[in-house]
Amino acid sequence: MLMMACESDHIVKCFAVYRNKELVIMVIEHCNGPTLQAVITDRGRIPEKEAIAIMRQLIKGIAVTLILSRKCTDSASSIVT
């Protein structure tokens, strides 16, 4: 699983995944504080500088995921061919 392989301050760590016929249970790290949705709902508008800082963090997390995903895809295709 991609989340288990990620080592980044911008991605929640996944420690284990358990599956049965009905459920997928993920054991992930606890993150203190409100969600981004809660912050937006409570505060309404976010000042531009703060919004930019939040967007940078989101983009860094997405970038790490995309890079790791690409590495996994490349590894899998080299195994198949």
Protein backbone atom coordinates (compact mmCIF):
# COMPACT_ATOMS: atom_id res chain seq x y z
CA MET A 1 0.00 0.00 0.00
CA LEU A 2 1.30 3.40 -1.03
CA MET A 3 0.60 5.14 2.30
CA MET A 4 2.70 2.61 4.19
CA ALA A 5 5.71 3.36 2.00
CA CYS A 6 5.49 7.16 2.35
CA GLU A 7 7.89 8.89 4.69
CA SER A 8 6.90 12.55 4.69
CA ASP A 9 5.83 15.18 7.18
CA HIS A 10 3.00 16.00 4.77
CA ILE A 11 1.38 12.55 4.68
CA VAL A 12 -0.31 10.70 7.54
CA LYS A 13 1.64 7.54 8.35
CA CYS A 14 -0.13 4.22 7.90
CA PHE A 15 1.10 1.48 10.22
CA ALA A 16 -1.12 -1.46 9.28
CA VAL A 17 -4.09 -2.47 7.15
CA TYR A 18 -6.56 -5.20 8.04
CA ARG A 19 -9.27 -6.50 5.73
CA ASN A 20 -12.25 -8.79 6.02
CA LYS A 21 -15.21 -9.39 3.73
CA GLU A 22 -16.92 -6.14 4.70
CA LEU A 23 -14.33 -3.72 6.05
CA VAL A 24 -10.90 -2.29 5.48
CA ILE A 25 -9.36 -1.03 8.72
CA MET A 26 -6.32 1.23 8.59
CA VAL A 27 -4.14 1.97 11.62
CA ILE A 28 -2.86 5.50 11.02
CA GLU A 29 -1.05 8.09 13.09
CA HIS A 30 -3.08 10.54 15.12
CA CYS A 31 -2.91 14.16 14.00
CA ASN A 32 -3.80 16.82 16.55
CA GLY A 33 -5.93 19.77 15.57
CA PRO A 34 -8.90 20.38 13.33
CA THR A 35 -9.29 19.25 9.74
CA LEU A 36 -8.89 21.77 6.95
CA GLN A 37 -12.65 21.54 6.35
CA ALA A 38 -13.33 22.42 10.02
CA VAL A 39 -10.97 25.40 9.86
CA ILE A 40 -12.65 26.74 6.72
CA THR A 41 -16.13 26.16 8.16
CA ASP A 42 -15.29 27.83 11.49
CA ARG A 43 -13.28 30.77 10.20
CA GLY A 44 -14.73 31.36 6.78
CA ARG A 45 -12.04 33.12 4.80
CA ILE A 46 -8.42 32.31 5.47
CA PRO A 47 -5.85 35.10 5.01
CA GLU A 48 -3.88 34.79 1.78
CA LYS A 49 -0.48 34.13 3.40
CA GLU A 50 -1.94 31.35 5.55
CA ALA A 51 -3.81 29.87 2.57
CA ILE A 52 -0.58 29.84 0.55
CA ALA A 53 1.24 28.01 3.37
CA ILE A 54 -1.58 25.42 3.55
CA MET A 55 -1.55 24.92 -0.22
CA ARG A 56 2.23 24.42 -0.20
CA GLN A 57 1.86 21.67 2.39
CA LEU A 58 -0.90 20.00 0.34
CA ILE A 59 1.15 20.18 -2.85
CA LYS A 60 4.20 18.69 -1.11
CA GLY A 61 2.08 15.77 0.10
CA ILE A 62 0.64 15.20 -3.36
CA ALA A 63 4.13 15.43 -4.92
CA VAL A 64 5.52 12.78 -2.55
CA THR A 65 2.59 10.49 -3.35
CA LEU A 66 2.97 10.96 -7.11
CA ILE A 67 6.72 10.33 -7.01
CA LEU A 68 6.26 7.18 -4.95
CA SER A 69 3.38 6.04 -7.15
CA ARG A 70 5.57 6.49 -10.22
CA LYS A 71 8.36 4.44 -8.63
CA CYS A 72 5.89 1.65 -7.80
CA THR A 73 4.50 1.69 -11.34
CA ASP A 74 7.99 1.59 -12.83
CA SER A 75 8.97 -1.33 -10.56
CA ALA A 76 5.81 -3.26 -11.39
CA SER A 77 6.24 -2.77 -15.13
CA SER A 78 9.84 -3.97 -15.00
CA ILE A 79 8.69 -7.14 -13.24
CA VAL A 80 5.99 -7.81 -15.84
CA THR A 81 8.19 -7.23 -18.90
